[in-house]
C-alpha atoms as a PDB file:
ATOM      1  CA  MET A   1    -201.799  71.590 -49.001  1.00  0.00           C
ATOM      2  CA  GLU A   2    -202.561  67.958 -48.227  1.00  0.00           C
ATOM      3  CA  LYS A   3    -202.939  67.459 -44.471  1.00  0.00           C
ATOM      4  CA  PHE A   4    -203.186  64.587 -41.990  1.00  0.00           C
ATOM      5  CA  ASP A   5    -203.914  64.580 -38.280  1.00  0.00           C
ATOM      6  CA  VAL A   6    -200.898  62.351 -37.618  1.00  0.00           C
ATOM      7  CA  ILE A   7    -197.819  61.739 -39.745  1.00  0.00           C
ATOM      8  CA  ILE A   8    -195.537  58.877 -38.693  1.00  0.00           C
ATOM      9  CA  ILE A   9    -192.072  58.811 -40.240  1.00  0.00           C
ATOM     10  CA  GLY A  10    -190.613  55.319 -40.346  1.00  0.00           C
ATOM     11  CA  ALA A  11    -192.434  51.997 -40.805  1.00  0.00           C
ATOM     12  CA  GLY A  12    -190.371  49.849 -38.468  1.00  0.00           C
ATOM     13  CA  PRO A  13    -191.837  48.111 -35.397  1.00  0.00           C
ATOM     14  CA  ALA A  14    -192.427  51.453 -33.606  1.00  0.00           C
ATOM     15  CA  GLY A  15    -194.107  53.225 -36.512  1.00  0.00           C
ATOM     16  CA  LEU A  16    -196.243  50.235 -37.464  1.00  0.00           C
ATOM     17  CA  LYS A  17    -197.368  49.695 -33.864  1.00  0.00           C
ATOM     18  CA  CYS A  18    -198.174  53.389 -33.493  1.00  0.00           C
ATOM     19  CA  ALA A  19    -200.282  53.313 -36.668  1.00  0.00           C
ATOM     20  CA  GLU A  20    -202.067  50.143 -35.568  1.00  0.00           C
ATOM     21  CA  THR A  21    -202.978  51.722 -32.218  1.00  0.00           C
ATOM     22  CA  LEU A  22    -204.385  54.761 -34.042  1.00  0.00           C
ATOM     23  CA  GLY A  23    -206.466  52.507 -36.272  1.00  0.00           C
ATOM     24  CA  ASN A  24    -210.239  52.982 -36.250  1.00  0.00           C
ATOM     25  CA  SER A  25    -209.853  56.338 -34.519  1.00  0.00           C
ATOM     26  CA  SER A  26    -211.249  59.584 -35.887  1.00  0.00           C
ATOM     27  CA  LEU A  27    -207.729  60.682 -36.837  1.00  0.00           C
ATOM     28  CA  ARG A  28    -206.421  60.581 -40.384  1.00  0.00           C
ATOM     29  CA  VAL A  29    -202.989  58.935 -40.260  1.00  0.00           C
ATOM     30  CA  LEU A  30    -200.155  58.853 -42.801  1.00  0.00           C
ATOM     31  CA  LEU A  31    -197.284  56.383 -42.369  1.00  0.00           C
ATOM     32  CA  LEU A  32    -194.205  57.241 -44.452  1.00  0.00           C
ATOM     33  CA  GLU A  33    -191.435  54.755 -45.261  1.00  0.00           C
ATOM     34  CA  LYS A  34    -188.374  55.850 -47.246  1.00  0.00           C
ATOM     35  CA  ASN A  35    -187.648  52.362 -48.572  1.00  0.00           C
ATOM     36  CA  ALA A  36    -189.515  50.579 -51.355  1.00  0.00           C
ATOM     37  CA  GLU A  37    -190.528  47.703 -49.081  1.00  0.00           C
ATOM     38  CA  ILE A  38    -191.623  47.616 -45.461  1.00  0.00           C
ATOM     39  CA  GLY A  39    -189.865  45.185 -43.162  1.00  0.00           C
ATOM     40  CA  PRO A  40    -186.274  44.600 -44.293  1.00  0.00           C
ATOM     41  CA  LYS A  41    -183.783  46.177 -41.928  1.00  0.00           C
ATOM     42  CA  VAL A  42    -180.122  45.681 -41.173  1.00  0.00           C
ATOM     43  CA  CYS A  43    -180.590  43.835 -37.893  1.00  0.00           C
ATOM     44  CA  ALA A  44    -179.474  40.567 -36.306  1.00  0.00           C
ATOM     45  CA  GLY A  45    -183.124  39.495 -35.947  1.00  0.00           C
ATOM     46  CA  GLY A  46    -183.097  38.387 -32.328  1.00  0.00           C
ATOM     47  CA  LEU A  47    -186.226  38.545 -30.170  1.00  0.00           C
ATOM     48  CA  THR A  48    -186.846  38.187 -26.456  1.00  0.00           C
ATOM     49  CA  GLY A  49    -189.755  36.658 -24.574  1.00  0.00           C
ATOM     50  CA  LYS A  50    -191.089  40.170 -23.971  1.00  0.00           C
ATOM     51  CA  ASP A  51    -191.287  40.756 -27.724  1.00  0.00           C
ATOM     52  CA  LEU A  52    -193.275  37.583 -28.274  1.00  0.00           C
ATOM     53  CA  ALA A  53    -195.665  38.279 -25.418  1.00  0.00           C
ATOM     54  CA  PHE A  54    -196.299  41.803 -26.687  1.00  0.00           C
ATOM     55  CA  LEU A  55    -196.745  40.885 -30.346  1.00  0.00           C
ATOM     56  CA  ASP A  56    -198.579  37.561 -30.008  1.00  0.00           C
ATOM     57  CA  LEU A  57    -196.781  36.375 -33.136  1.00  0.00           C
ATOM     58  CA  PRO A  58    -198.063  33.366 -35.069  1.00  0.00           C
ATOM     59  CA  ASP A  59    -195.786  30.353 -34.648  1.00  0.00           C
ATOM     60  CA  GLU A  60    -194.867  30.180 -38.314  1.00  0.00           C
ATOM     61  CA  LEU A  61    -193.076  33.550 -38.141  1.00  0.00           C
ATOM     62  CA  ILE A  62    -190.695  32.357 -35.425  1.00  0.00           C
ATOM     63  CA  GLU A  63    -187.658  30.762 -37.008  1.00  0.00           C
ATOM     64  CA  PHE A  64    -185.898  29.271 -33.971  1.00  0.00           C
ATOM     65  CA  ARG A  65    -186.681  29.079 -30.261  1.00  0.00           C
ATOM     66  CA  TYR A  66    -183.990  28.717 -27.618  1.00  0.00           C
ATOM     67  CA  ASN A  67    -184.094  27.717 -23.978  1.00  0.00           C
ATOM     68  CA  GLN A  68    -180.336  28.053 -23.787  1.00  0.00           C
ATOM     69  CA  ILE A  69    -177.586  30.326 -25.037  1.00  0.00           C
ATOM     70  CA  LYS A  70    -173.873  29.681 -25.243  1.00  0.00           C
ATOM     71  CA  LEU A  71    -171.520  32.236 -23.716  1.00  0.00           C
ATOM     72  CA  HIS A  72    -167.855  32.378 -24.638  1.00  0.00           C
ATOM     73  CA  VAL A  73    -165.435  34.524 -22.621  1.00  0.00           C
ATOM     74  CA  ASN A  74    -161.989  34.333 -24.185  1.00  0.00           C
ATOM     75  CA  GLY A  75    -161.260  30.586 -23.920  1.00  0.00           C
ATOM     76  CA  LEU A  76    -164.002  29.804 -21.398  1.00  0.00           C
ATOM     77  CA  SER A  77    -167.413  28.598 -22.596  1.00  0.00           C
ATOM     78  CA  THR A  78    -170.592  28.044 -20.633  1.00  0.00           C
ATOM     79  CA  THR A  79    -174.265  27.427 -21.376  1.00  0.00           C
ATOM     80  CA  ILE A  80    -177.212  29.196 -19.769  1.00  0.00           C
ATOM     81  CA  ASN A  81    -180.206  26.870 -19.740  1.00  0.00           C
ATOM     82  CA  THR A  82    -183.442  27.834 -17.995  1.00  0.00           C
ATOM     83  CA  GLY A  83    -185.670  25.059 -19.348  1.00  0.00           C
ATOM     84  CA  ASN A  84    -188.021  27.647 -20.896  1.00  0.00           C
ATOM     85  CA  ASP A  85    -187.705  29.328 -24.282  1.00  0.00           C
ATOM     86  CA  PHE A  86    -186.438  32.889 -23.839  1.00  0.00           C
ATOM     87  CA  ALA A  87    -184.581  33.725 -27.060  1.00  0.00           C
ATOM     88  CA  PHE A  88    -185.959  33.640 -30.601  1.00  0.00           C
ATOM     89  CA  THR A  89    -185.023  34.610 -34.139  1.00  0.00           C
ATOM     90  CA  ILE A  90    -187.218  36.096 -36.839  1.00  0.00           C
ATOM     91  CA  ASP A  91    -186.776  37.467 -40.335  1.00  0.00           C
ATOM     92  CA  ARG A  92    -187.279  41.234 -40.156  1.00  0.00           C
ATOM     93  CA  ARG A  93    -188.998  41.373 -43.544  1.00  0.00           C
ATOM     94  CA  GLU A  94    -191.597  38.850 -42.405  1.00  0.00           C
ATOM     95  CA  LEU A  95    -192.126  40.730 -39.129  1.00  0.00           C
ATOM     96  CA  GLY A  96    -192.656  44.035 -40.936  1.00  0.00           C
ATOM     97  CA  GLN A  97    -195.010  42.527 -43.496  1.00  0.00           C
ATOM     98  CA  TRP A  98    -197.040  40.870 -40.733  1.00  0.00           C
ATOM     99  CA  GLN A  99    -197.396  44.181 -38.894  1.00  0.00           C
ATOM    100  CA  LEU A 100    -198.259  45.946 -42.153  1.00  0.00           C
ATOM    101  CA  GLN A 101    -200.998  43.431 -42.937  1.00  0.00           C
ATOM    102  CA  LYS A 102    -202.742  44.338 -39.690  1.00  0.00           C
ATOM    103  CA  LEU A 103    -203.094  47.949 -40.874  1.00  0.00           C
ATOM    104  CA  LYS A 104    -205.138  47.048 -43.946  1.00  0.00           C
ATOM    105  CA  GLN A 105    -208.306  46.717 -41.884  1.00  0.00           C
ATOM    106  CA  PHE A 106    -208.206  50.431 -40.964  1.00  0.00           C
ATOM    107  CA  SER A 107    -209.675  52.948 -43.405  1.00  0.00           C
ATOM    108  CA  ASN A 108    -208.127  55.937 -41.595  1.00  0.00           C
ATOM    109  CA  ILE A 109    -204.514  54.841 -42.198  1.00  0.00           C
ATOM    110  CA  GLU A 110    -202.580  55.463 -45.400  1.00  0.00           C
ATOM    111  CA  VAL A 111    -199.139  53.929 -45.983  1.00  0.00           C
ATOM    112  CA  ARG A 112    -196.684  55.326 -48.529  1.00  0.00           C
ATOM    113  CA  THR A 113    -193.369  53.725 -49.458  1.00  0.00           C
ATOM    114  CA  ASN A 114    -190.482  55.326 -51.377  1.00  0.00           C
ATOM    115  CA  ALA A 115    -191.456  58.407 -49.378  1.00  0.00           C
ATOM    116  CA  ARG A 116    -188.301  60.058 -48.096  1.00  0.00           C
ATOM    117  CA  VAL A 117    -188.792  63.176 -45.959  1.00  0.00           C
ATOM    118  CA  PHE A 118    -186.399  65.910 -47.094  1.00  0.00           C
ATOM    119  CA  GLU A 119    -187.501  68.680 -44.760  1.00  0.00           C
ATOM    120  CA  ILE A 120    -189.494  69.074 -41.551  1.00  0.00           C
ATOM    121  CA  LEU A 121    -191.375  72.259 -40.761  1.00  0.00           C
ATOM    122  CA  ASN A 122    -193.326  73.174 -37.658  1.00  0.00           C
ATOM    123  CA  ASP A 123    -196.588  72.086 -39.262  1.00  0.00           C
ATOM    124  CA  ALA A 124    -195.570  70.062 -42.333  1.00  0.00           C
ATOM    125  CA  VAL A 125    -193.080  67.604 -43.786  1.00  0.00           C
ATOM    126  CA  VAL A 126    -191.739  67.856 -47.316  1.00  0.00           C
ATOM    127  CA  VAL A 127    -191.818  64.684 -49.438  1.00  0.00           C
ATOM    128  CA  ASP A 128    -190.825  64.873 -53.121  1.00  0.00           C
ATOM    129  CA  GLU A 129    -190.914  68.671 -52.898  1.00  0.00           C
ATOM    130  CA  GLN A 130    -194.533  68.573 -51.745  1.00  0.00           C
ATOM    131  CA  PRO A 131    -195.430  69.744 -48.218  1.00  0.00           C
ATOM    132  CA  ILE A 132    -197.841  67.577 -46.247  1.00  0.00           C
ATOM    133  CA  GLY A 133    -199.368  69.151 -43.171  1.00  0.00           C
ATOM    134  CA  TYR A 134    -199.719  67.520 -39.770  1.00  0.00           C
ATOM    135  CA  SER A 135    -201.221  68.209 -36.365  1.00  0.00           C
ATOM    136  CA  PHE A 136    -199.004  65.550 -34.724  1.00  0.00           C
ATOM    137  CA  LEU A 137    -195.674  64.198 -35.947  1.00  0.00           C
ATOM    138  CA  VAL A 138    -194.128  60.916 -34.786  1.00  0.00           C
ATOM    139  CA  GLY A 139    -190.453  60.222 -35.423  1.00  0.00           C
ATOM    140  CA  ALA A 140    -190.073  56.450 -35.628  1.00  0.00           C
ATOM    141  CA  ASP A 141    -187.224  56.721 -38.086  1.00  0.00           C
ATOM    142  CA  GLY A 142    -184.477  54.819 -36.292  1.00  0.00           C
ATOM    143  CA  SER A 143    -181.142  55.665 -34.726  1.00  0.00           C
ATOM    144  CA  ASN A 144    -180.231  58.178 -37.425  1.00  0.00           C
ATOM    145  CA  SER A 145    -183.521  59.985 -36.853  1.00  0.00           C
ATOM    146  CA  PHE A 146    -184.258  63.018 -39.022  1.00  0.00           C
ATOM    147  CA  VAL A 147    -187.016  64.039 -36.592  1.00  0.00           C
ATOM    148  CA  LYS A 148    -184.640  63.870 -33.621  1.00  0.00           C
ATOM    149  CA  ARG A 149    -182.157  66.126 -35.421  1.00  0.00           C
ATOM    150  CA  PHE A 150    -184.986  68.552 -36.279  1.00  0.00           C
ATOM    151  CA  LEU A 151    -185.730  68.766 -32.545  1.00  0.00           C
ATOM    152  CA  GLY A 152    -182.117  69.793 -31.961  1.00  0.00           C
ATOM    153  CA  PHE A 153    -180.713  66.579 -30.532  1.00  0.00           C
ATOM    154  CA  PRO A 154    -177.490  65.308 -32.104  1.00  0.00           C
ATOM    155  CA  PRO A 155    -176.720  61.570 -31.946  1.00  0.00           C
ATOM    156  CA  ARG A 156    -175.498  60.572 -28.464  1.00  0.00           C
ATOM    157  CA  ASN A 157    -174.037  57.353 -27.078  1.00  0.00           C
ATOM    158  CA  ARG A 158    -173.438  56.429 -30.691  1.00  0.00           C
ATOM    159  CA  GLY A 159    -172.927  52.776 -31.336  1.00  0.00           C
ATOM    160  CA  ILE A 160    -172.274  50.815 -34.481  1.00  0.00           C
ATOM    161  CA  GLY A 161    -173.236  47.262 -35.325  1.00  0.00           C
ATOM    162  CA  ILE A 162    -171.603  45.274 -38.113  1.00  0.00           C
ATOM    163  CA  GLN A 163    -172.505  41.826 -39.352  1.00  0.00           C
ATOM    164  CA  TYR A 164    -172.261  39.291 -42.126  1.00  0.00           C
ATOM    165  CA  ILE A 165    -175.392  37.593 -43.422  1.00  0.00           C
ATOM    166  CA  ILE A 166    -174.160  34.186 -44.556  1.00  0.00           C
ATOM    167  CA  PRO A 167    -176.394  31.726 -46.451  1.00  0.00           C
ATOM    168  CA  THR A 168    -175.687  28.547 -44.493  1.00  0.00           C
ATOM    169  CA  GLU A 169    -177.370  26.076 -42.149  1.00  0.00           C
ATOM    170  CA  ARG A 170    -174.123  25.217 -40.391  1.00  0.00           C
ATOM    171  CA  TYR A 171    -174.872  27.246 -37.263  1.00  0.00           C
ATOM    172  CA  ARG A 172    -177.799  26.330 -35.022  1.00  0.00           C
ATOM    173  CA  ASP A 173    -176.744  27.563 -31.540  1.00  0.00           C
ATOM    174  CA  PHE A 174    -177.613  30.997 -30.133  1.00  0.00           C
ATOM    175  CA  GLU A 175    -174.194  32.319 -29.083  1.00  0.00           C
ATOM    176  CA  PHE A 176    -172.478  35.360 -27.570  1.00  0.00           C
ATOM    177  CA  PHE A 177    -168.717  35.956 -27.514  1.00  0.00           C
ATOM    178  CA  PHE A 178    -167.148  38.336 -25.008  1.00  0.00           C
ATOM    179  CA  ARG A 179    -163.615  39.121 -26.174  1.00  0.00           C
ATOM    180  CA  PRO A 180    -162.454  42.420 -24.622  1.00  0.00           C
ATOM    181  CA  LYS A 181    -159.297  42.340 -26.721  1.00  0.00           C
ATOM    182  CA  TYR A 182    -161.463  42.869 -29.803  1.00  0.00           C
ATOM    183  CA  PHE A 183    -164.784  44.287 -28.618  1.00  0.00           C
ATOM    184  CA  ALA A 184    -163.958  46.075 -25.326  1.00  0.00           C
ATOM    185  CA  ALA A 185    -167.167  46.092 -23.233  1.00  0.00           C
ATOM    186  CA  TRP A 186    -169.357  44.561 -25.950  1.00  0.00           C
ATOM    187  CA  TYR A 187    -169.579  41.246 -27.752  1.00  0.00           C
ATOM    188  CA  ALA A 188    -169.952  39.290 -30.972  1.00  0.00           C
ATOM    189  CA  TRP A 189    -172.969  37.125 -31.741  1.00  0.00           C
ATOM    190  CA  ILE A 190    -174.194  34.224 -33.815  1.00  0.00           C
ATOM    191  CA  PHE A 191    -177.956  34.288 -34.494  1.00  0.00           C
ATOM    192  CA  PRO A 192    -179.206  31.409 -36.702  1.00  0.00           C
ATOM    193  CA  HIS A 193    -182.084  31.868 -39.133  1.00  0.00           C
ATOM    194  CA  ARG A 194    -183.837  29.430 -41.448  1.00  0.00           C
ATOM    195  CA  ARG A 195    -181.877  30.250 -44.583  1.00  0.00           C
ATOM    196  CA  TYR A 196    -178.912  32.161 -43.213  1.00  0.00           C
ATOM    197  CA  VAL A 197    -176.970  33.126 -40.114  1.00  0.00           C
ATOM    198  CA  SER A 198    -176.227  36.592 -38.731  1.00  0.00           C
ATOM    199  CA  ILE A 199    -172.701  36.830 -37.323  1.00  0.00           C
ATOM    200  CA  GLY A 200    -171.833  40.263 -36.035  1.00  0.00           C
ATOM    201  CA  CYS A 201    -170.574  42.540 -33.283  1.00  0.00           C
ATOM    202  CA  GLY A 202    -171.102  46.029 -31.930  1.00  0.00           C
ATOM    203  CA  ALA A 203    -169.475  48.790 -29.890  1.00  0.00           C
ATOM    204  CA  PHE A 204    -169.638  52.509 -29.102  1.00  0.00           C
ATOM    205  CA  ARG A 205    -167.805  54.719 -31.588  1.00  0.00           C
ATOM    206  CA  ASP A 206    -166.290  56.738 -28.739  1.00  0.00           C
ATOM    207  CA  VAL A 207    -164.601  53.622 -27.350  1.00  0.00           C
ATOM    208  CA  ILE A 208    -163.688  51.787 -30.561  1.00  0.00           C
ATOM    209  CA  ALA A 209    -163.466  53.627 -33.881  1.00  0.00           C
ATOM    210  CA  PRO A 210    -165.546  51.945 -36.622  1.00  0.00           C
ATOM    211  CA  ALA A 211    -162.446  51.123 -38.673  1.00  0.00           C
ATOM    212  CA  ASP A 212    -160.809  49.498 -35.638  1.00  0.00           C
ATOM    213  CA  LEU A 213    -163.966  47.549 -34.819  1.00  0.00           C
ATOM    214  CA  LYS A 214    -164.181  46.224 -38.378  1.00  0.00           C
ATOM    215  CA  ARG A 215    -160.506  45.212 -38.264  1.00  0.00           C
ATOM    216  CA  ASN A 216    -160.963  43.505 -34.886  1.00  0.00           C
ATOM    217  CA  PHE A 217    -164.065  41.723 -36.166  1.00  0.00           C
ATOM    218  CA  GLN A 218    -162.152  40.368 -39.144  1.00  0.00           C
ATOM    219  CA  ARG A 219    -159.455  39.034 -36.806  1.00  0.00           C
ATOM    220  CA  TRP A 220    -162.062  37.397 -34.600  1.00  0.00           C
ATOM    221  CA  LEU A 221    -163.739  35.788 -37.631  1.00  0.00           C
ATOM    222  CA  SER A 222    -160.359  34.438 -38.673  1.00  0.00           C
ATOM    223  CA  ASP A 223    -159.735  33.103 -35.151  1.00  0.00           C
ATOM    224  CA  ARG A 224    -163.067  31.261 -35.307  1.00  0.00           C
ATOM    225  CA  HIS A 225    -162.415  29.987 -38.860  1.00  0.00           C
ATOM    226  CA  ILE A 226    -165.710  31.500 -40.001  1.00  0.00           C
ATOM    227  CA  ASP A 227    -166.058  31.523 -43.777  1.00  0.00           C
ATOM    228  CA  ILE A 228    -167.489  34.857 -44.938  1.00  0.00           C
ATOM    229  CA  ARG A 229    -166.746  34.536 -48.661  1.00  0.00           C
ATOM    230  CA  ASN A 230    -170.454  34.185 -49.521  1.00  0.00           C
ATOM    231  CA  GLY A 231    -171.576  36.592 -46.786  1.00  0.00           C
ATOM    232  CA  ARG A 232    -173.156  40.014 -47.229  1.00  0.00           C
ATOM    233  CA  TYR A 233    -171.481  42.710 -45.126  1.00  0.00           C
ATOM    234  CA  GLU A 234    -173.799  45.170 -43.361  1.00  0.00           C
ATOM    235  CA  SER A 235    -173.390  47.955 -40.838  1.00  0.00           C
ATOM    236  CA  PHE A 236    -175.924  49.988 -38.908  1.00  0.00           C
ATOM    237  CA  PRO A 237    -175.930  52.867 -36.381  1.00  0.00           C
ATOM    238  CA  MET A 238    -177.187  52.450 -32.827  1.00  0.00           C
ATOM    239  CA  ASP A 239    -178.198  55.531 -30.814  1.00  0.00           C
ATOM    240  CA  SER A 240    -178.947  54.833 -27.150  1.00  0.00           C
ATOM    241  CA  GLY A 241    -178.983  58.485 -26.068  1.00  0.00           C
ATOM    242  CA  TYR A 242    -182.453  59.035 -24.604  1.00  0.00           C
ATOM    243  CA  GLU A 243    -183.709  62.636 -24.836  1.00  0.00           C
ATOM    244  CA  GLY A 244    -187.420  62.187 -24.238  1.00  0.00           C
ATOM    245  CA  ILE A 245    -190.652  61.088 -25.897  1.00  0.00           C
ATOM    246  CA  ARG A 246    -192.915  64.117 -26.196  1.00  0.00           C
ATOM    247  CA  PHE A 247    -191.973  67.595 -27.471  1.00  0.00           C
ATOM    248  CA  GLY A 248    -195.210  69.527 -27.873  1.00  0.00           C
ATOM    249  CA  ASN A 249    -196.991  68.008 -30.856  1.00  0.00           C
ATOM    250  CA  ILE A 250    -193.919  65.994 -31.916  1.00  0.00           C
ATOM    251  CA  TYR A 251    -193.077  62.559 -30.510  1.00  0.00           C
ATOM    252  CA  LEU A 252    -190.146  60.165 -30.745  1.00  0.00           C
ATOM    253  CA  ALA A 253    -190.477  56.382 -30.541  1.00  0.00           C
ATOM    254  CA  GLY A 254    -188.183  53.367 -30.585  1.00  0.00           C
ATOM    255  CA  ASP A 255    -184.574  53.814 -31.676  1.00  0.00           C
ATOM    256  CA  ALA A 256    -185.332  57.425 -32.657  1.00  0.00           C
ATOM    257  CA  ALA A 257    -186.037  58.130 -28.984  1.00  0.00           C
ATOM    258  CA  GLY A 258    -182.771  56.486 -27.970  1.00  0.00           C
ATOM    259  CA  LEU A 259    -184.545  53.634 -26.183  1.00  0.00           C
ATOM    260  CA  LEU A 260    -182.137  51.022 -27.560  1.00  0.00           C
ATOM    261  CA  SER A 261    -180.304  49.054 -24.856  1.00  0.00           C
ATOM    262  CA  SER A 262    -176.699  50.235 -24.680  1.00  0.00           C
ATOM    263  CA  PHE A 263    -175.614  46.838 -23.360  1.00  0.00           C
ATOM    264  CA  THR A 264    -177.538  44.242 -25.379  1.00  0.00           C
ATOM    265  CA  GLY A 265    -178.339  46.316 -28.475  1.00  0.00           C
ATOM    266  CA  GLU A 266    -181.943  45.056 -28.316  1.00  0.00           C
ATOM    267  CA  GLY A 267    -184.601  47.558 -29.313  1.00  0.00           C
ATOM    268  CA  ILE A 268    -187.666  45.841 -30.766  1.00  0.00           C
ATOM    269  CA  TYR A 269    -189.582  45.603 -27.489  1.00  0.00           C
ATOM    270  CA  GLN A 270    -188.824  49.232 -26.668  1.00  0.00           C
ATOM    271  CA  ALA A 271    -189.989  50.223 -30.150  1.00  0.00           C
ATOM    272  CA  LEU A 272    -193.292  48.375 -29.806  1.00  0.00           C
ATOM    273  CA  VAL A 273    -194.016  49.757 -26.336  1.00  0.00           C
ATOM    274  CA  SER A 274    -193.180  53.350 -27.213  1.00  0.00           C
ATOM    275  CA  GLY A 275    -195.049  53.198 -30.535  1.00  0.00           C
ATOM    276  CA  GLU A 276    -198.190  52.028 -28.767  1.00  0.00           C
ATOM    277  CA  GLU A 277    -198.008  54.489 -25.881  1.00  0.00           C
ATOM    278  CA  VAL A 278    -197.167  57.461 -28.111  1.00  0.00           C
ATOM    279  CA  ALA A 279    -200.376  56.691 -30.039  1.00  0.00           C
ATOM    280  CA  LYS A 280    -202.301  56.564 -26.770  1.00  0.00           C
ATOM    281  CA  MET A 281    -200.888  59.966 -25.779  1.00  0.00           C
ATOM    282  CA  ILE A 282    -202.060  61.407 -29.093  1.00  0.00           C
ATOM    283  CA  LEU A 283    -205.526  59.912 -28.656  1.00  0.00           C
ATOM    284  CA  ASN A 284    -205.815  61.047 -25.040  1.00  0.00           C
ATOM    285  CA  PRO A 285    -203.763  64.016 -23.752  1.00  0.00           C
ATOM    286  CA  ASP A 286    -204.352  62.820 -20.189  1.00  0.00           C
ATOM    287  CA  PHE A 287    -202.902  59.354 -20.823  1.00  0.00           C
ATOM    288  CA  GLU A 288    -199.959  58.562 -18.554  1.00  0.00           C
ATOM    289  CA  PRO A 289    -197.526  56.038 -20.051  1.00  0.00           C
ATOM    290  CA  VAL A 290    -197.183  52.857 -18.014  1.00  0.00           C
ATOM    291  CA  LYS A 291    -194.720  50.728 -19.953  1.00  0.00           C
ATOM    292  CA  ILE A 292    -192.326  53.445 -21.124  1.00  0.00           C
ATOM    293  CA  PRO A 293    -191.215  54.182 -17.516  1.00  0.00           C
ATOM    294  CA  GLU A 294    -190.535  50.448 -17.072  1.00  0.00           C
ATOM    295  CA  VAL A 295    -188.480  50.436 -20.270  1.00  0.00           C
ATOM    296  CA  LEU A 296    -186.522  53.464 -19.059  1.00  0.00           C
ATOM    297  CA  GLU A 297    -185.817  51.830 -15.706  1.00  0.00           C
ATOM    298  CA  THR A 298    -184.327  48.784 -17.456  1.00  0.00           C
ATOM    299  CA  LYS A 299    -182.433  51.022 -19.853  1.00  0.00           C
ATOM    300  CA  GLN A 300    -180.848  52.914 -16.968  1.00  0.00           C
ATOM    301  CA  LYS A 301    -179.657  49.628 -15.458  1.00  0.00           C
ATOM    302  CA  HIS A 302    -178.101  48.647 -18.780  1.00  0.00           C
ATOM    303  CA  ASP A 303    -176.500  52.104 -19.148  1.00  0.00           C
ATOM    304  CA  ARG A 304    -174.901  51.809 -15.714  1.00  0.00           C
ATOM    305  CA  LEU A 305    -173.708  48.293 -16.469  1.00  0.00           C
ATOM    306  CA  ILE A 306    -172.104  49.189 -19.780  1.00  0.00           C
ATOM    307  CA  GLN A 307    -170.447  52.255 -18.258  1.00  0.00           C
ATOM    308  CA  MET A 308    -169.044  50.058 -15.498  1.00  0.00           C
ATOM    309  CA  MET A 309    -167.616  47.702 -18.118  1.00  0.00           C
ATOM    310  CA  ILE A 310    -166.135  50.594 -20.089  1.00  0.00           C
ATOM    311  CA  ASP A 311    -164.498  51.953 -16.944  1.00  0.00           C
ATOM    312  CA  ALA A 312    -163.236  48.487 -15.946  1.00  0.00           C
ATOM    313  CA  GLY A 313    -160.530  48.561 -18.616  1.00  0.00           C
ATOM    314  CA  ASN A 314    -158.147  45.613 -18.293  1.00  0.00           C
ATOM    315  CA  ALA A 315    -160.362  44.031 -15.630  1.00  0.00           C
ATOM    316  CA  ARG A 316    -163.116  43.280 -18.171  1.00  0.00           C
ATOM    317  CA  SER A 317    -161.874  39.779 -18.926  1.00  0.00           C
ATOM    318  CA  LEU A 318    -161.944  38.855 -15.257  1.00  0.00           C
ATOM    319  CA  ILE A 319    -165.431  40.313 -14.767  1.00  0.00           C
ATOM    320  CA  PHE A 320    -166.806  38.494 -17.828  1.00  0.00           C
ATOM    321  CA  SER A 321    -165.152  35.235 -16.734  1.00  0.00           C
ATOM    322  CA  VAL A 322    -166.633  35.436 -13.225  1.00  0.00           C
ATOM    323  CA  GLY A 323    -170.030  36.185 -14.774  1.00  0.00           C
ATOM    324  CA  ALA A 324    -169.788  33.162 -17.065  1.00  0.00           C
ATOM    325  CA  LEU A 325    -169.051  30.932 -14.060  1.00  0.00           C
ATOM    326  CA  LEU A 326    -171.922  32.394 -12.036  1.00  0.00           C
ATOM    327  CA  PHE A 327    -174.323  31.765 -14.920  1.00  0.00           C
ATOM    328  CA  LYS A 328    -173.790  28.044 -14.412  1.00  0.00           C
ATOM    329  CA  ILE A 329    -175.853  28.476 -11.227  1.00  0.00           C
ATOM    330  CA  PRO A 330    -179.589  28.410 -12.150  1.00  0.00           C
ATOM    331  CA  ARG A 331    -180.507  31.273  -9.824  1.00  0.00           C
ATOM    332  CA  PHE A 332    -177.947  33.582 -11.453  1.00  0.00           C
ATOM    333  CA  ALA A 333    -178.833  32.330 -14.936  1.00  0.00           C
ATOM    334  CA  ASN A 334    -182.512  33.183 -14.430  1.00  0.00           C
ATOM    335  CA  LYS A 335    -181.601  36.591 -13.050  1.00  0.00           C
ATOM    336  CA  ALA A 336    -179.403  37.288 -16.072  1.00  0.00           C
ATOM    337  CA  ILE A 337    -182.202  36.392 -18.487  1.00  0.00           C
ATOM    338  CA  GLU A 338    -184.610  38.630 -16.566  1.00  0.00           C
ATOM    339  CA  THR A 339    -182.117  41.524 -16.544  1.00  0.00           C
ATOM    340  CA  PHE A 340    -181.148  41.381 -20.204  1.00  0.00           C
ATOM    341  CA  GLY A 341    -184.528  40.753 -21.757  1.00  0.00           C
END
């Protein structure tokens, strides 16, 4: 049986960062991606300042930079402006390909695409009916993680995101829309890209059924007179139920670990941090994660905040409206940016 020291399932930001950190080590590493191409993912493509600082991305990969965002709460609109860039957009294919390129310098890393894992055993994974052995397994396979289910954890705090990718240059502002009538405790967004715009929304399935969310989204699009006739409809799961990182010789990273923010839906930074520190734990059993605890602390704040908004019921509109007014004050605006990413 073919065998590797480390098998990583999923070549998103977490899996690619994990592989990069294991590069040039004595370990033989296999990175498996079920899709034909690495990079493309159903995602709005928003980045935070933390993402940029961690990745040290070349300027040409960043599509748009924003030092302000527009917030809309029912009929009230406000702008948060800090004077410094804090929100960015990027094409996920280009991000994935850039991360992949960095792996080509390492002779101990093998990447396989079109490699769907059909079964996980205690010491092997089965790809195309062939078992491949491992000493360590890393699940970086997203919110619908096969590895997480193998460990016995069903999806928890299940969210769903839906969006239209519309080829247009009409939209150039980074915008969020809080409309409790349609989205309960969550929001809709407009994220501009160079050749298209992502317009979407999200919510927890337990609060709004997917069919109801889609219907509400269509009504909101109609209210905003947004033309979706040339748009591509996409939907994606979001699992923010954190169960842990390490389970013996098996690890979870990124969305698979449930590190996604339940309030903002952002998960790239958490994926990068956990991918790197999982690799460090594999390389050194005595390594104590430093950044993962910080990520979990922020995640807990977001979990409490979203639960408060869920429990607020009919008072959500008032809370969002007061927040929008407070954000006009620079001190509160800066605190909001720090809190949410």
